[in-house]
Amino acid sequence: MTLRTVIVAGEPSGDLLAGRVIEGLRARTRRLELAGIGGPAMQAAGLQAWHSMDALSVFGYVDALRRAPGLIRTWRHTRRQAIAFRPDIFIGVDAPDFNLRLEEQLRRHGIPTVHFVGPSIWAWRYERIHQIRRAVSHMLVLFPFEVDLYQREGIPVTYVGHPLAELIPMQADRAAARKFLQISDDVRVLALMPGSRASEIRLLAPRFLQAVQHLQEQDPDLHVLVPMVNPARRQQFESLLAQYAIRQCRVLIHPLNGALSAATETARHPGATHQPARPSSAAPSWPVAWHAMAAADAVLVASGTATLEAALFKRPMVISYVLSPWMRRIMAWKSGQQAPSLPWVGLPNILEREFVVPELLQEAASPQALAQATWAALTDKALIERVTERFTHLHQSLDRDTPQLAARAILEVCHGA
C-alpha cells in the first residue's frame, strides 16, 4: 500500500527536519509518494516539489510584508494541489504562519494533519493554541516541556526529541576541530555569532566587535572565528570588521546547502591571518558554524537556534540580542505583548528553566558588559565545569530516535483517520 503524503517545509532547518522524518517513514512503509514544498534534503528523498522552499523563506516582518502577494499565491496553489492530491496525511514542518492556515483548510476536507515543531506559544502569542486545536490532528514537539502544554489543551502530542541532539556528538573533539581550522591547541578561541539576518548583524556585530577589542586587551592572542551563513552576510560583516582593530579574526563561509565550503576564507582585514581551510575528512557535511563551535572555548551568540547548538557542543556562552525601536513596536503589535511571557529568551535557559548562561539584551548589551561576561565564559573554570555538566544532561534529554518516533506517530494518525 502506498502512503500518499504532502509535506511542506519553508526553511533550511525545516528541510533537514523533514528529511529525517521521511527517512523514518521509508523505514516503516514500503511505498511512499511525496509531494509538497521543500529543499535539497526533501527533494533528495523523493519529494515532488510544487514550489521551491525559497518561496517560503522570509527574513523578518519587513521581508514578509514585501513578499506577501507571492506568499499568498503560493499558499493558494499549494492548498489546491494538496486537496487534489488527496493525501493520506499532511505534514507541516515549522513555518507556522503558512502551515497552520493550510492545515486548518485541509483538515476541513478530511485530510489528517501533523505539525512538526511547535510554535513558541510558550513565549509569544499563546492565543495561537486555538488555531492549533482547529488545524492539527497531532503535534510533534522538539522539547519535553511542550508535552504538558498541549496535553493540557487537549491536543494529541508526541515528544520526538531534537534531531540536532542526534547529529552533534556528545563529546565534540576540540583538538580535531582546531587541527582542521589550523589553530593551535594552546590559544583561547572565541566563536563570534552575531546572527544570520542583515538586521541582526547591523545591530549586534559592532557591539560584539567592540567587546572583542576589550577581550584582546586582556588576551592579545585571543583567536576569533566568525561563521557566516552566506556571502552577502559575510560582506556585510567584513565591512563592519574593517572599522575595528581586531587581530586573529577569521570569517568562515557557510554555504547554503549546509556543507563545509573548501573556499573558507579569512576576513579581508589587515590584522587577520590568512589560513585557508580544507574540507574536513571527519565531518564534511557539518555546517561551518559547528566547526567553529567545536574549536571554541566559548561562544558569543545572537539568540536563536545557534544557542542550542552551542549548548549541545557544551560550550559556555553569552547570549545577546538587540532590536531596533521600530522592530520592537512591530513585535509588540503582532504579538500583543511587550515582552516574552518567560524570563528567558535563550533556548538553553528556557530548557533548563533558569539562567545557566547570561543573557544581555537591548541596553544591557553594552560592549563592556559583553566582554566581562565573555571573559568569564573563557576563563572561569568553575563556571565552565558547571555549564558543561548541565549541557551534557540537556543533550541526553533531547537525544531520541527522532525519525522513528516521528514516523510511528504519523502512521498512527493515518491508521486512526
Protein backbone atom coordinates (compact mmCIF):
# COMPACT_ATOMS: atom_id res chain seq x y z
CA MET A 1 0.00 0.00 0.00
CA THR A 2 1.29 3.46 -0.92
CA LEU A 3 1.36 6.18 1.71
CA ARG A 4 0.46 9.38 -0.11
CA THR A 5 1.99 12.28 1.78
CA VAL A 6 2.06 16.02 1.32
CA ILE A 7 4.83 17.67 3.29
CA VAL A 8 5.74 21.36 3.45
CA ALA A 9 8.87 22.97 4.93
CA GLY A 10 9.93 26.57 4.46
CA GLU A 11 13.44 26.98 5.87
CA PRO A 12 16.76 25.09 5.60
CA SER A 13 16.32 23.85 9.17
CA GLY A 14 12.82 22.60 8.32
CA ASP A 15 14.14 20.88 5.20
CA LEU A 16 16.65 18.94 7.31
CA LEU A 17 13.98 18.03 9.88
CA ALA A 18 11.60 16.88 7.13
CA GLY A 19 14.37 14.83 5.55
CA ARG A 20 14.77 12.97 8.84
CA VAL A 21 11.02 12.36 9.07
CA ILE A 22 10.97 10.98 5.53
CA GLU A 23 13.86 8.70 6.47
CA GLY A 24 11.79 7.30 9.33
CA LEU A 25 8.70 6.83 7.14
CA ARG A 26 10.65 4.97 4.47
CA ALA A 27 11.91 2.57 7.13
CA ARG A 28 8.31 1.78 8.14
CA THR A 29 6.37 1.75 4.88
CA ARG A 30 7.11 0.01 1.61
CA ARG A 31 5.90 2.70 -0.75
CA LEU A 32 5.92 6.41 -0.09
CA GLU A 33 4.62 9.02 -2.52
CA LEU A 34 5.75 12.53 -1.56
CA ALA A 35 4.69 15.94 -2.82
CA GLY A 36 4.76 19.46 -1.45
CA ILE A 37 7.35 22.16 -0.77
CA GLY A 38 10.90 21.51 0.36
CA GLY A 39 14.59 21.94 -0.20
CA PRO A 40 17.56 19.75 -1.15
CA ALA A 41 17.18 17.18 1.64
CA MET A 42 13.49 16.57 0.86
CA GLN A 43 13.99 16.51 -2.89
CA ALA A 44 16.85 14.04 -2.50
CA ALA A 45 14.41 11.87 -0.52
CA GLY A 46 11.99 11.81 -3.48
CA LEU A 47 9.79 14.86 -2.99
CA GLN A 48 7.78 16.06 -5.99
CA ALA A 49 8.26 19.78 -5.39
CA TRP A 50 5.33 22.03 -6.26
CA HIS A 51 7.39 25.07 -5.27
CA SER A 52 10.94 25.78 -4.20
CA MET A 53 11.49 26.11 -0.48
CA ASP A 54 12.81 29.61 -1.22
CA ALA A 55 9.21 30.63 -1.94
CA LEU A 56 8.52 30.45 1.81
CA SER A 57 11.85 31.64 3.19
CA VAL A 58 11.43 35.11 4.67
CA PHE A 59 13.72 37.08 6.96
CA GLY A 60 11.71 39.13 9.40
CA TYR A 61 8.48 41.11 9.26
CA VAL A 62 9.60 43.59 6.61
CA ASP A 63 10.57 40.84 4.17
CA ALA A 64 7.28 39.03 4.88
CA LEU A 65 5.26 42.17 4.09
CA ARG A 66 7.22 42.82 0.91
CA ARG A 67 6.70 39.27 -0.32
CA ALA A 68 3.10 38.89 0.87
CA PRO A 69 1.48 38.72 -2.62
CA GLY A 70 3.81 35.91 -3.72
CA LEU A 71 3.34 34.03 -0.45
CA ILE A 72 -0.45 34.24 -0.81
CA ARG A 73 -0.28 32.88 -4.38
CA THR A 74 1.97 30.03 -3.24
CA TRP A 75 -0.36 29.21 -0.34
CA ARG A 76 -3.45 29.12 -2.55
CA HIS A 77 -1.77 26.97 -5.17
CA THR A 78 -0.46 24.56 -2.52
CA ARG A 79 -3.93 24.26 -0.99
CA ARG A 80 -5.44 23.40 -4.39
CA GLN A 81 -2.69 20.91 -5.18
CA ALA A 82 -2.94 19.23 -1.77
CA ILE A 83 -6.71 18.82 -1.96
CA ALA A 84 -6.44 17.41 -5.50
CA PHE A 85 -3.61 15.05 -4.43
CA ARG A 86 -5.87 13.54 -1.72
CA PRO A 87 -3.04 12.54 0.60
CA ASP A 88 -3.31 10.06 3.44
CA ILE A 89 -1.53 12.62 5.62
CA PHE A 90 -0.31 16.20 5.53
CA ILE A 91 2.86 17.07 7.44
CA GLY A 92 3.67 20.71 8.08
CA VAL A 93 7.23 21.29 9.28
CA ASP A 94 7.60 24.55 11.21
CA ALA A 95 6.62 27.64 9.06
CA PRO A 96 3.54 28.11 11.30
CA ASP A 97 2.11 31.20 9.57
CA PHE A 98 1.92 29.24 6.31
CA ASN A 99 1.34 25.69 7.54
CA LEU A 100 -1.23 26.20 10.29
CA ARG A 101 -3.55 28.04 7.92
CA LEU A 102 -3.04 25.32 5.33
CA GLU A 103 -3.60 22.55 7.87
CA GLU A 104 -6.84 24.14 9.02
CA GLN A 105 -8.17 24.14 5.45
CA LEU A 106 -7.04 20.59 4.70
CA ARG A 107 -8.47 19.19 7.89
CA ARG A 108 -11.87 20.60 6.88
CA HIS A 109 -11.54 18.47 3.75
CA GLY A 110 -11.00 15.33 5.84
CA ILE A 111 -7.22 15.19 5.50
CA PRO A 112 -5.41 14.34 8.77
CA THR A 113 -2.64 16.77 9.63
CA VAL A 114 0.57 16.52 11.63
CA HIS A 115 2.57 19.60 12.60
CA PHE A 116 6.24 19.14 13.45
CA VAL A 117 7.93 21.83 15.59
CA GLY A 118 5.51 23.63 17.86
CA PRO A 119 5.35 27.42 17.54
CA SER A 120 6.87 29.18 20.54
CA ILE A 121 3.46 29.89 22.10
CA TRP A 122 5.10 29.31 25.49
CA ALA A 123 6.83 32.68 24.94
CA TRP A 124 4.72 34.62 22.43
CA ARG A 125 1.09 34.61 21.25
CA TYR A 126 -0.38 31.84 23.39
CA GLU A 127 -3.76 32.55 21.79
CA ARG A 128 -2.49 30.62 18.76
CA ILE A 129 -3.41 27.48 20.67
CA HIS A 130 -7.00 27.86 19.40
CA GLN A 131 -5.85 27.79 15.76
CA ILE A 132 -3.59 24.82 16.51
CA ARG A 133 -6.52 22.92 18.02
CA ARG A 134 -8.57 23.51 14.86
CA ALA A 135 -5.74 22.80 12.45
CA VAL A 136 -3.66 19.95 13.85
CA SER A 137 -4.57 16.30 14.28
CA HIS A 138 -1.29 15.61 16.08
CA MET A 139 1.66 17.73 17.23
CA LEU A 140 5.27 16.53 17.14
CA VAL A 141 7.39 18.61 19.50
CA LEU A 142 11.13 19.04 19.98
CA PHE A 143 11.23 19.80 23.69
CA PRO A 144 9.94 17.78 26.68
CA PHE A 145 8.24 20.71 28.44
CA GLU A 146 5.92 21.24 25.45
CA VAL A 147 4.10 17.95 26.05
CA ASP A 148 2.27 19.17 29.16
CA LEU A 149 1.23 22.36 27.38
CA TYR A 150 -0.51 20.56 24.50
CA GLN A 151 -1.95 17.80 26.68
CA ARG A 152 -3.48 20.45 28.93
CA GLU A 153 -5.16 21.94 25.86
CA GLY A 154 -6.48 18.59 24.65
CA ILE A 155 -4.21 18.40 21.58
CA PRO A 156 -2.61 15.00 20.82
CA VAL A 157 1.16 15.35 21.09
CA THR A 158 4.34 13.29 20.88
CA TYR A 159 7.79 14.35 22.07
CA VAL A 160 10.26 13.16 19.42
CA GLY A 161 13.49 14.77 20.65
CA HIS A 162 15.59 17.26 18.74
CA PRO A 163 17.44 15.98 15.64
CA LEU A 164 20.39 18.25 16.45
CA ALA A 165 20.97 16.15 19.56
CA GLU A 166 21.46 13.11 17.31
CA LEU A 167 23.73 14.87 14.87
CA ILE A 168 26.03 16.73 17.28
CA PRO A 169 28.37 14.37 19.17
CA MET A 170 28.03 14.07 22.92
CA GLN A 171 31.74 14.94 23.22
CA ALA A 172 32.94 17.14 20.36
CA ASP A 173 36.64 16.79 19.54
CA ARG A 174 38.04 20.28 20.13
CA ALA A 175 41.57 19.24 19.15
CA ALA A 176 40.39 17.79 15.82
CA ALA A 177 38.35 20.92 15.05
CA ARG A 178 41.37 23.11 15.76
CA LYS A 179 43.59 20.93 13.61
CA PHE A 180 41.10 21.25 10.78
CA LEU A 181 40.98 25.03 11.16
CA GLN A 182 44.76 25.18 11.66
CA ILE A 183 44.56 26.75 15.12
CA SER A 184 47.00 25.97 17.91
CA ASP A 185 45.79 23.98 20.91
CA ASP A 186 47.33 26.49 23.34
CA VAL A 187 45.37 29.63 22.43
CA ARG A 188 41.96 30.80 23.56
CA VAL A 189 39.32 30.69 20.83
CA LEU A 190 36.03 32.58 20.77
CA ALA A 191 33.24 31.76 18.31
CA LEU A 192 31.50 35.03 17.44
CA MET A 193 27.99 34.53 16.05
CA PRO A 194 26.08 37.79 15.51
CA GLY A 195 23.20 36.16 13.59
CA SER A 196 22.17 35.27 10.06
CA ARG A 197 19.95 38.25 9.21
CA ALA A 198 21.13 41.62 7.96
CA SER A 199 19.35 43.41 10.81
CA GLU A 200 21.00 41.18 13.41
CA ILE A 201 24.48 41.80 12.05
CA ARG A 202 23.84 45.53 11.73
CA LEU A 203 22.73 45.84 15.37
CA LEU A 204 24.86 43.19 17.08
CA ALA A 205 28.15 42.94 15.19
CA PRO A 206 29.51 46.39 16.21
CA ARG A 207 28.85 45.60 19.88
CA PHE A 208 30.39 42.14 19.53
CA LEU A 209 33.49 43.54 17.81
CA GLN A 210 33.96 46.23 20.45
CA ALA A 211 33.65 43.50 23.08
CA VAL A 212 36.41 41.57 21.29
CA GLN A 213 38.61 44.65 21.43
CA HIS A 214 38.21 44.67 25.22
CA LEU A 215 38.90 40.93 25.37
CA GLN A 216 42.07 41.22 23.30
CA GLU A 217 43.34 43.85 25.71
CA GLN A 218 43.28 41.04 28.31
CA ASP A 219 44.47 38.31 25.93
CA PRO A 220 46.24 39.72 22.85
CA ASP A 221 46.42 36.23 21.33
CA LEU A 222 42.68 35.54 21.53
CA HIS A 223 41.53 33.96 18.24
CA VAL A 224 38.08 34.80 16.90
CA LEU A 225 36.07 32.63 14.49
CA VAL A 226 33.04 34.18 12.78
CA PRO A 227 30.88 31.75 10.76
CA MET A 228 28.65 33.47 8.20
CA VAL A 229 25.57 31.97 6.59
CA ASN A 230 26.19 33.27 3.05
CA PRO A 231 28.46 35.62 1.05
CA ALA A 232 26.10 38.58 1.44
CA ARG A 233 26.23 38.39 5.22
CA ARG A 234 30.00 37.87 5.07
CA GLN A 235 30.41 41.02 3.02
CA GLN A 236 28.20 42.95 5.43
CA PHE A 237 30.18 41.72 8.43
CA GLU A 238 33.56 42.38 6.83
CA SER A 239 32.57 45.98 6.08
CA LEU A 240 31.96 46.41 9.81
CA LEU A 241 35.09 44.49 10.76
CA ALA A 242 37.22 46.92 8.74
CA GLN A 243 36.27 49.65 11.23
CA TYR A 244 37.78 47.85 14.23
CA ALA A 245 41.32 46.85 15.12
CA ILE A 246 40.80 43.12 15.65
CA ARG A 247 43.60 40.55 15.43
CA GLN A 248 43.37 36.82 14.65
CA CYS A 249 39.83 37.13 13.30
CA ARG A 250 38.68 34.66 10.65
CA VAL A 251 35.38 34.81 8.82
CA LEU A 252 34.24 31.33 7.83
CA ILE A 253 31.87 30.69 4.93
CA HIS A 254 28.70 28.72 5.45
CA PRO A 255 27.35 27.57 2.05
CA LEU A 256 23.61 27.44 1.57
CA ASN A 257 23.47 23.64 1.30
CA GLY A 258 24.94 23.24 4.78
CA ALA A 259 28.15 21.57 3.62
CA LEU A 260 31.51 22.98 4.52
CA SER A 261 32.99 25.04 1.72
CA ALA A 262 36.51 24.42 0.53
CA ALA A 263 36.62 28.16 -0.01
CA THR A 264 36.57 29.03 3.68
CA GLU A 265 38.30 32.38 3.99
CA THR A 266 39.58 34.87 6.45
CA ALA A 267 38.31 38.39 6.77
CA ARG A 268 39.89 40.93 4.46
CA HIS A 269 41.40 42.92 7.27
CA PRO A 270 44.97 43.99 7.95
CA GLY A 271 45.00 42.28 11.35
CA ALA A 272 43.56 38.99 10.17
CA THR A 273 45.73 35.98 9.49
CA HIS A 274 45.21 34.12 6.22
CA GLN A 275 44.91 30.38 6.82
CA PRO A 276 42.58 28.86 4.23
CA ALA A 277 40.85 25.73 5.49
CA ARG A 278 40.26 22.48 3.64
CA PRO A 279 37.24 20.17 3.79
CA SER A 280 37.16 18.04 6.92
CA SER A 281 37.52 14.30 6.44
CA ALA A 282 35.90 13.73 9.85
CA ALA A 283 32.61 15.58 9.27
CA PRO A 284 32.44 17.03 5.77
CA SER A 285 28.69 17.63 5.97
CA TRP A 286 28.85 19.77 9.11
CA PRO A 287 27.85 23.42 8.84
CA VAL A 288 30.95 25.51 9.24
CA ALA A 289 29.44 27.08 12.38
CA TRP A 290 29.71 23.67 14.03
CA HIS A 291 33.42 23.53 13.29
CA ALA A 292 33.79 26.97 14.85
CA MET A 293 31.87 25.97 17.98
CA ALA A 294 33.73 22.67 18.26
CA ALA A 295 37.05 24.56 18.13
CA ALA A 296 35.98 27.32 20.53
CA ASP A 297 36.42 27.71 24.26
CA ALA A 298 33.33 29.92 24.45
CA VAL A 299 30.65 31.44 22.20
CA LEU A 300 29.24 34.97 21.99
CA VAL A 301 25.98 34.39 20.16
CA ALA A 302 22.75 36.01 19.00
CA SER A 303 19.63 34.45 20.46
CA GLY A 304 18.26 31.72 18.20
CA THR A 305 18.88 28.11 17.22
CA ALA A 306 22.65 28.69 17.40
CA THR A 307 22.34 28.93 21.20
CA LEU A 308 21.00 25.37 21.31
CA GLU A 309 23.80 24.21 19.01
CA ALA A 310 26.37 25.82 21.30
CA ALA A 311 24.77 24.08 24.29
CA LEU A 312 24.94 20.71 22.52
CA PHE A 313 28.64 21.39 21.92
CA LYS A 314 28.86 22.00 25.73
CA ARG A 315 30.37 25.45 25.24
CA PRO A 316 29.96 28.27 27.76
CA MET A 317 28.23 31.15 26.04
CA VAL A 318 26.89 34.64 26.35
CA ILE A 319 23.53 35.20 24.64
CA SER A 320 22.65 38.62 23.30
CA TYR A 321 20.03 40.31 21.17
CA VAL A 322 19.15 43.85 20.17
CA LEU A 323 16.05 45.05 18.33
CA SER A 324 15.57 48.48 16.82
CA PRO A 325 12.76 50.55 18.41
CA TRP A 326 10.74 50.11 15.22
CA MET A 327 11.06 46.31 15.30
CA ARG A 328 10.13 46.26 18.98
CA ARG A 329 6.92 48.13 18.15
CA ILE A 330 6.12 45.72 15.31
CA MET A 331 6.67 42.67 17.54
CA ALA A 332 4.54 44.16 20.31
CA TRP A 333 1.77 44.93 17.80
CA LYS A 334 1.88 41.49 16.16
CA SER A 335 2.06 39.52 19.40
CA GLY A 336 0.07 41.79 21.69
CA GLN A 337 2.95 41.56 24.18
CA GLN A 338 5.68 43.95 25.19
CA ALA A 339 7.97 41.07 26.21
CA PRO A 340 8.04 37.25 26.15
CA SER A 341 5.95 35.50 28.80
CA LEU A 342 9.08 33.72 30.06
CA PRO A 343 12.01 35.34 31.86
CA TRP A 344 14.48 33.78 29.39
CA VAL A 345 14.98 34.20 25.63
CA GLY A 346 17.84 31.75 25.00
CA LEU A 347 16.83 28.15 24.29
CA PRO A 348 19.35 26.61 26.73
CA ASN A 349 17.99 28.73 29.58
CA ILE A 350 14.38 28.06 28.56
CA LEU A 351 15.01 24.32 28.54
CA GLU A 352 16.84 24.40 31.86
CA ARG A 353 14.30 26.86 33.34
CA GLU A 354 16.99 29.10 34.77
CA PHE A 355 19.84 31.39 33.74
CA VAL A 356 22.52 28.76 33.17
CA VAL A 357 24.26 31.25 30.86
CA PRO A 358 23.94 35.05 30.84
CA GLU A 359 21.57 36.92 28.53
CA LEU A 360 22.46 40.52 27.70
CA LEU A 361 19.63 42.14 25.78
CA GLN A 362 18.91 45.60 24.41
CA GLU A 363 20.53 48.32 26.53
CA ALA A 364 22.24 45.71 28.73
CA ALA A 365 24.23 44.52 25.69
CA SER A 366 27.00 47.10 26.03
CA PRO A 367 30.46 46.14 24.72
CA GLN A 368 31.88 46.33 28.24
CA ALA A 369 29.19 44.05 29.70
CA LEU A 370 29.51 41.60 26.81
CA ALA A 371 33.28 41.49 27.25
CA GLN A 372 33.06 40.95 31.00
CA ALA A 373 30.58 38.07 30.69
CA THR A 374 32.50 36.51 27.79
CA TRP A 375 35.81 36.70 29.66
CA ALA A 376 34.22 34.69 32.45
CA ALA A 377 32.97 32.14 29.91
CA LEU A 378 36.51 31.84 28.53
CA THR A 379 38.42 31.65 31.81
CA ASP A 380 36.27 30.76 34.85
CA LYS A 381 36.99 27.06 35.39
CA ALA A 382 34.18 26.51 37.88
CA LEU A 383 31.67 28.14 35.52
CA ILE A 384 32.96 26.08 32.58
CA GLU A 385 32.66 22.84 34.55
CA ARG A 386 29.15 23.69 35.75
CA VAL A 387 27.91 24.63 32.27
CA THR A 388 29.46 21.51 30.72
CA GLU A 389 27.66 19.29 33.22
CA ARG A 390 24.29 21.00 32.73
CA PHE A 391 24.54 20.91 28.95
CA THR A 392 25.54 17.24 28.97
CA HIS A 393 22.32 16.40 30.84
CA LEU A 394 20.38 18.63 28.43
CA HIS A 395 21.89 16.84 25.44
CA GLN A 396 20.94 13.46 26.88
CA SER A 397 17.35 14.58 27.42
CA LEU A 398 16.99 15.74 23.80
CA ASP A 399 18.73 12.76 22.18
CA ARG A 400 15.98 10.48 20.89
CA ASP A 401 15.45 8.43 17.74
CA THR A 402 13.57 11.32 16.13
CA PRO A 403 12.93 9.73 12.69
CA GLN A 404 11.42 6.57 14.18
CA LEU A 405 9.38 8.34 16.86
CA ALA A 406 8.01 10.83 14.33
CA ALA A 407 7.22 8.12 11.75
CA ARG A 408 5.42 5.98 14.34
CA ALA A 409 3.22 8.90 15.43
CA ILE A 410 2.45 9.87 11.81
CA LEU A 411 1.43 6.33 10.87
CA GLU A 412 -0.78 6.06 13.95
CA VAL A 413 -2.58 9.21 12.82
CA CYS A 414 -3.03 7.70 9.35
CA HIS A 415 -4.40 4.43 10.73
CA GLY A 416 -6.72 6.23 13.10
CA ALA A 417 -8.12 8.60 10.47
